C-alpha cells in the first residue's frame, strides 16, 4: 500500500542503494489480515497512500498528471469495475481514500 515504496524512495534520497536478491524470501500477511486485496480497508489505504506517495515523491508535473489520470481515467474505471463485479462495498472507501489523500496533500 505504498509504505514500502515510500521507504525505498527515502532510503535512496539518503544516499543508500536498494538491492534485489532473487533468492530472498519474505512472507507478508498484511493482505490476509485485512481480508485480501479486495476489501474496504485495503481500497481506502491503497488509494490514499498512492496519492500521498505521488505528492511526496513526484515533481509538480508528475503530481498534476497523477491527479488528472486518477480523476478522469482510473477512478471511473475502478468504480465501474467495483459495480460490475458486485463489489459495491469498495466504492465508498475508495472515494474516501482519494478524498483523504488529496486533503493530506493540501494540508502538507
N, C-alpha and C. Protein backbone atom coordinates (compact mmCIF):
# COMPACT_ATOMS: atom_id res chain seq x y z
N UNK A 1 0.82 -1.19 0.00
CA UNK A 1 0.00 0.00 0.00
C UNK A 1 0.86 1.25 0.00
N UNK A 2 2.00 1.16 -0.61
CA UNK A 2 2.93 2.26 -0.85
C UNK A 2 3.87 2.57 0.30
N UNK A 3 3.72 1.97 1.46
CA UNK A 3 4.66 2.24 2.54
C UNK A 3 6.06 1.76 2.18
N UNK A 4 6.16 0.56 1.61
CA UNK A 4 7.47 0.02 1.24
C UNK A 4 8.10 0.84 0.12
N UNK A 5 7.30 1.25 -0.85
CA UNK A 5 7.81 2.05 -1.95
C UNK A 5 8.29 3.40 -1.44
N UNK A 6 7.52 4.02 -0.56
CA UNK A 6 7.92 5.29 0.02
C UNK A 6 9.21 5.13 0.81
N UNK A 7 9.33 4.06 1.57
CA UNK A 7 10.53 3.79 2.36
C UNK A 7 11.74 3.68 1.44
N UNK A 8 11.60 2.96 0.32
CA UNK A 8 12.71 2.80 -0.63
C UNK A 8 13.11 4.15 -1.23
N UNK A 9 12.16 4.99 -1.54
CA UNK A 9 12.49 6.31 -2.08
C UNK A 9 13.26 7.14 -1.05
N UNK A 10 12.83 7.07 0.20
CA UNK A 10 13.53 7.83 1.25
C UNK A 10 14.94 7.29 1.47
N UNK A 11 15.12 5.99 1.39
CA UNK A 11 16.44 5.37 1.54
C UNK A 11 17.37 5.85 0.42
N UNK A 12 16.85 5.85 -0.81
CA UNK A 12 17.66 6.30 -1.95
C UNK A 12 18.01 7.78 -1.84
N UNK A 13 17.06 8.60 -1.39
CA UNK A 13 17.34 10.03 -1.22
C UNK A 13 18.42 10.26 -0.16
N UNK A 14 18.51 9.35 0.80
CA UNK A 14 19.52 9.46 1.85
C UNK A 14 20.89 8.98 1.36
N UNK A 15 20.96 8.49 0.13
CA UNK A 15 22.24 8.10 -0.44
C UNK A 15 22.55 6.61 -0.40
N UNK A 16 21.62 5.81 0.04
CA UNK A 16 21.84 4.37 0.09
C UNK A 16 21.35 3.71 -1.19
N UNK A 17 21.83 2.50 -1.43
CA UNK A 17 21.38 1.74 -2.59
C UNK A 17 20.29 0.77 -2.18
N UNK A 18 19.39 0.50 -3.09
CA UNK A 18 18.38 -0.53 -2.92
C UNK A 18 18.83 -1.70 -3.79
N UNK A 19 18.94 -2.86 -3.17
CA UNK A 19 19.38 -4.03 -3.92
C UNK A 19 18.29 -5.09 -3.90
N UNK A 20 18.32 -5.94 -4.90
CA UNK A 20 17.35 -7.00 -5.05
C UNK A 20 18.06 -8.34 -4.96
N UNK A 21 17.56 -9.21 -4.14
CA UNK A 21 18.11 -10.56 -4.03
C UNK A 21 17.00 -11.53 -4.42
N UNK A 22 17.10 -12.14 -5.60
CA UNK A 22 16.02 -13.02 -6.07
C UNK A 22 15.86 -14.28 -5.22
N UNK A 23 16.85 -14.61 -4.42
CA UNK A 23 16.74 -15.82 -3.57
C UNK A 23 16.14 -15.52 -2.21
N UNK A 24 15.98 -14.25 -1.88
CA UNK A 24 15.40 -13.88 -0.59
C UNK A 24 13.92 -14.25 -0.57
N UNK A 25 13.43 -14.63 0.60
CA UNK A 25 12.02 -14.97 0.76
C UNK A 25 11.44 -14.14 1.90
N UNK A 26 10.23 -13.71 1.68
CA UNK A 26 9.53 -12.97 2.72
C UNK A 26 8.06 -13.39 2.70
N UNK A 27 7.47 -13.48 3.84
CA UNK A 27 6.06 -13.82 3.94
C UNK A 27 5.35 -12.59 4.48
N UNK A 28 4.45 -12.08 3.69
CA UNK A 28 3.75 -10.85 4.03
C UNK A 28 2.28 -11.18 4.24
N UNK A 29 1.81 -11.03 5.47
CA UNK A 29 0.44 -11.43 5.79
C UNK A 29 -0.52 -10.26 5.90
N UNK A 30 -0.08 -9.08 5.53
CA UNK A 30 -0.94 -7.90 5.72
C UNK A 30 -2.26 -8.03 4.96
N UNK A 31 -2.21 -8.44 3.71
CA UNK A 31 -3.46 -8.54 2.95
C UNK A 31 -4.39 -9.57 3.54
N UNK A 32 -3.85 -10.70 3.98
CA UNK A 32 -4.71 -11.72 4.56
C UNK A 32 -5.28 -11.26 5.90
N UNK A 33 -4.55 -10.41 6.62
CA UNK A 33 -5.05 -9.93 7.90
C UNK A 33 -6.23 -8.99 7.74
N UNK A 34 -6.28 -8.27 6.63
CA UNK A 34 -7.40 -7.35 6.42
C UNK A 34 -8.41 -7.90 5.43
N UNK A 35 -8.28 -9.16 5.05
CA UNK A 35 -9.29 -9.79 4.22
C UNK A 35 -8.95 -9.89 2.75
N UNK A 36 -7.70 -9.78 2.39
CA UNK A 36 -7.32 -9.88 0.98
C UNK A 36 -7.30 -8.53 0.31
N UNK A 37 -7.02 -8.53 -0.97
CA UNK A 37 -6.82 -7.26 -1.66
C UNK A 37 -8.12 -6.55 -2.04
N UNK A 38 -9.24 -7.22 -1.99
CA UNK A 38 -10.50 -6.58 -2.32
C UNK A 38 -11.37 -6.47 -1.08
N UNK A 39 -11.02 -5.52 -0.23
CA UNK A 39 -11.82 -5.25 0.95
C UNK A 39 -11.80 -3.74 1.19
N UNK A 40 -12.74 -3.21 1.94
CA UNK A 40 -12.84 -1.76 2.13
C UNK A 40 -11.60 -1.12 2.73
N UNK A 41 -10.99 -1.75 3.72
CA UNK A 41 -9.80 -1.18 4.36
C UNK A 41 -8.65 -1.06 3.37
N UNK A 42 -8.43 -2.08 2.58
CA UNK A 42 -7.37 -2.05 1.58
C UNK A 42 -7.67 -1.00 0.51
N UNK A 43 -8.91 -0.94 0.03
CA UNK A 43 -9.28 0.04 -1.00
C UNK A 43 -9.02 1.46 -0.51
N UNK A 44 -9.36 1.73 0.73
CA UNK A 44 -9.15 3.06 1.31
C UNK A 44 -7.67 3.41 1.39
N UNK A 45 -6.90 2.55 2.06
CA UNK A 45 -5.49 2.87 2.32
C UNK A 45 -4.66 2.88 1.04
N UNK A 46 -4.92 1.97 0.15
CA UNK A 46 -4.16 1.93 -1.10
C UNK A 46 -4.36 3.22 -1.89
N UNK A 47 -5.60 3.66 -1.98
CA UNK A 47 -5.92 4.88 -2.74
C UNK A 47 -5.32 6.11 -2.06
N UNK A 48 -5.51 6.23 -0.76
CA UNK A 48 -4.98 7.39 -0.02
C UNK A 48 -3.46 7.42 -0.09
N UNK A 49 -2.81 6.29 0.17
CA UNK A 49 -1.35 6.25 0.21
C UNK A 49 -0.72 6.48 -1.16
N UNK A 50 -1.39 6.04 -2.21
CA UNK A 50 -0.87 6.28 -3.56
C UNK A 50 -0.83 7.78 -3.85
N UNK A 51 -1.88 8.48 -3.49
CA UNK A 51 -1.95 9.92 -3.72
C UNK A 51 -0.86 10.63 -2.92
N UNK A 52 -0.70 10.26 -1.66
CA UNK A 52 0.32 10.87 -0.81
C UNK A 52 1.72 10.57 -1.35
N UNK A 53 1.93 9.35 -1.80
CA UNK A 53 3.23 8.96 -2.36
C UNK A 53 3.60 9.84 -3.55
N UNK A 54 2.67 10.03 -4.48
CA UNK A 54 2.97 10.84 -5.65
C UNK A 54 3.23 12.29 -5.27
N UNK A 55 2.54 12.80 -4.27
CA UNK A 55 2.76 14.19 -3.83
C UNK A 55 4.13 14.34 -3.19
N UNK A 56 4.51 13.37 -2.36
CA UNK A 56 5.78 13.44 -1.64
C UNK A 56 6.98 13.20 -2.55
N UNK A 57 6.83 12.34 -3.53
CA UNK A 57 7.99 11.88 -4.29
C UNK A 57 8.03 12.31 -5.75
N UNK A 58 6.96 12.85 -6.25
CA UNK A 58 6.94 13.26 -7.65
C UNK A 58 7.20 14.74 -7.81
N UNK A 59 7.48 15.13 -9.02
CA UNK A 59 7.59 16.55 -9.32
C UNK A 59 6.17 17.13 -9.39
N UNK A 60 6.08 18.44 -9.46
CA UNK A 60 4.76 19.07 -9.59
C UNK A 60 4.06 18.61 -10.85
N UNK A 61 4.84 18.46 -11.92
CA UNK A 61 4.28 18.00 -13.19
C UNK A 61 3.76 16.56 -13.08
N UNK A 62 4.53 15.70 -12.43
CA UNK A 62 4.10 14.30 -12.25
C UNK A 62 2.86 14.22 -11.38
N UNK A 63 2.81 15.03 -10.33
CA UNK A 63 1.65 15.00 -9.45
C UNK A 63 0.41 15.51 -10.17
N UNK A 64 0.57 16.55 -10.97
CA UNK A 64 -0.56 17.07 -11.75
C UNK A 64 -1.08 16.00 -12.71
N UNK A 65 -0.18 15.29 -13.39
CA UNK A 65 -0.59 14.21 -14.29
C UNK A 65 -1.27 13.10 -13.50
N UNK A 66 -0.76 12.81 -12.30
CA UNK A 66 -1.38 11.78 -11.46
C UNK A 66 -2.81 12.17 -11.11
N UNK A 67 -3.02 13.41 -10.70
CA UNK A 67 -4.38 13.88 -10.35
C UNK A 67 -5.30 13.72 -11.55
N UNK A 68 -4.86 14.21 -12.70
CA UNK A 68 -5.68 14.13 -13.91
C UNK A 68 -6.03 12.68 -14.24
N UNK A 69 -5.02 11.82 -14.26
CA UNK A 69 -5.23 10.40 -14.58
C UNK A 69 -6.14 9.74 -13.56
N UNK A 70 -5.90 10.03 -12.30
CA UNK A 70 -6.70 9.43 -11.22
C UNK A 70 -8.16 9.84 -11.34
N UNK A 71 -8.41 11.11 -11.52
CA UNK A 71 -9.78 11.60 -11.52
C UNK A 71 -10.57 11.25 -12.78
N UNK A 72 -9.91 11.31 -13.93
CA UNK A 72 -10.65 11.18 -15.19
C UNK A 72 -10.51 9.83 -15.88
N UNK A 73 -9.54 9.02 -15.46
CA UNK A 73 -9.37 7.71 -16.10
C UNK A 73 -9.49 6.58 -15.08
N UNK A 74 -8.65 6.60 -14.06
CA UNK A 74 -8.60 5.48 -13.11
C UNK A 74 -9.87 5.37 -12.27
N UNK A 75 -10.31 6.47 -11.68
CA UNK A 75 -11.47 6.42 -10.79
C UNK A 75 -12.74 5.95 -11.51
N UNK A 76 -13.08 6.48 -12.68
CA UNK A 76 -14.27 5.94 -13.36
C UNK A 76 -14.13 4.44 -13.68
N UNK A 77 -12.93 4.02 -14.08
CA UNK A 77 -12.73 2.60 -14.37
C UNK A 77 -12.87 1.75 -13.11
N UNK A 78 -12.29 2.21 -12.00
CA UNK A 78 -12.39 1.46 -10.73
C UNK A 78 -13.83 1.36 -10.28
N UNK A 79 -14.55 2.46 -10.30
CA UNK A 79 -15.94 2.46 -9.86
C UNK A 79 -16.76 1.49 -10.72
N UNK A 80 -16.54 1.54 -12.03
CA UNK A 80 -17.26 0.63 -12.93
C UNK A 80 -16.89 -0.83 -12.63
N UNK A 81 -15.60 -1.08 -12.38
CA UNK A 81 -15.16 -2.43 -12.04
C UNK A 81 -15.83 -2.91 -10.75
N UNK A 82 -15.83 -2.06 -9.72
CA UNK A 82 -16.46 -2.45 -8.46
C UNK A 82 -17.94 -2.76 -8.65
N UNK A 83 -18.62 -1.97 -9.43
CA UNK A 83 -20.05 -2.18 -9.66
C UNK A 83 -20.30 -3.44 -10.48
N UNK A 84 -19.57 -3.59 -11.58
CA UNK A 84 -19.78 -4.76 -12.45
C UNK A 84 -19.39 -6.08 -11.78
N UNK A 85 -18.45 -6.01 -10.84
CA UNK A 85 -18.03 -7.23 -10.15
C UNK A 85 -18.75 -7.39 -8.81
N UNK A 86 -19.81 -6.61 -8.60
CA UNK A 86 -20.64 -6.67 -7.39
C UNK A 86 -19.84 -6.43 -6.11
N UNK A 87 -18.85 -5.56 -6.19
CA UNK A 87 -18.05 -5.19 -5.01
C UNK A 87 -18.45 -3.76 -4.60
N UNK A 88 -19.72 -3.59 -4.36
CA UNK A 88 -20.26 -2.28 -4.04
C UNK A 88 -19.66 -1.68 -2.77
N UNK A 89 -19.26 -2.54 -1.84
CA UNK A 89 -18.72 -2.06 -0.57
C UNK A 89 -17.36 -1.38 -0.73
N UNK A 90 -16.76 -1.45 -1.91
CA UNK A 90 -15.45 -0.82 -2.13
C UNK A 90 -15.56 0.59 -2.69
N UNK A 91 -16.72 0.97 -3.19
CA UNK A 91 -16.87 2.28 -3.83
C UNK A 91 -16.63 3.40 -2.82
N UNK A 92 -17.33 3.38 -1.71
CA UNK A 92 -17.22 4.46 -0.72
C UNK A 92 -15.81 4.55 -0.12
N UNK A 93 -15.19 3.44 0.32
CA UNK A 93 -13.83 3.56 0.87
C UNK A 93 -12.82 4.03 -0.18
N UNK A 94 -12.99 3.61 -1.43
CA UNK A 94 -12.10 4.07 -2.49
C UNK A 94 -12.19 5.58 -2.65
N UNK A 95 -13.42 6.11 -2.73
CA UNK A 95 -13.61 7.54 -2.89
C UNK A 95 -13.15 8.32 -1.66
N UNK A 96 -13.38 7.76 -0.47
CA UNK A 96 -12.91 8.40 0.76
C UNK A 96 -11.38 8.43 0.80
N UNK A 97 -10.73 7.36 0.37
CA UNK A 97 -9.27 7.33 0.31
C UNK A 97 -8.73 8.38 -0.64
N UNK A 98 -9.39 8.54 -1.77
CA UNK A 98 -8.99 9.55 -2.74
C UNK A 98 -9.14 10.95 -2.13
N UNK A 99 -10.28 11.18 -1.51
CA UNK A 99 -10.55 12.48 -0.87
C UNK A 99 -9.55 12.76 0.24
N UNK A 100 -9.35 11.78 1.14
CA UNK A 100 -8.43 11.98 2.27
C UNK A 100 -6.99 12.16 1.79
N UNK A 101 -6.61 11.48 0.72
CA UNK A 101 -5.28 11.66 0.16
C UNK A 101 -5.09 13.08 -0.35
N UNK A 102 -6.09 13.61 -1.05
CA UNK A 102 -5.98 14.98 -1.55
C UNK A 102 -6.02 16.00 -0.42
N UNK A 103 -6.80 15.75 0.61
CA UNK A 103 -6.82 16.63 1.78
C UNK A 103 -5.44 16.66 2.42
N UNK A 104 -4.80 15.50 2.57
CA UNK A 104 -3.45 15.45 3.13
C UNK A 104 -2.50 16.29 2.28
N UNK A 105 -2.61 16.17 0.96
CA UNK A 105 -1.73 16.91 0.05
C UNK A 105 -1.92 18.41 0.19
N UNK A 106 -3.15 18.85 0.40
CA UNK A 106 -3.43 20.27 0.56
C UNK A 106 -2.86 20.78 1.88
N UNK A 107 -2.97 19.97 2.92
CA UNK A 107 -2.55 20.40 4.26
C UNK A 107 -1.03 20.30 4.47
N UNK A 108 -0.35 19.54 3.63
CA UNK A 108 1.09 19.38 3.83
C UNK A 108 1.86 20.00 2.72
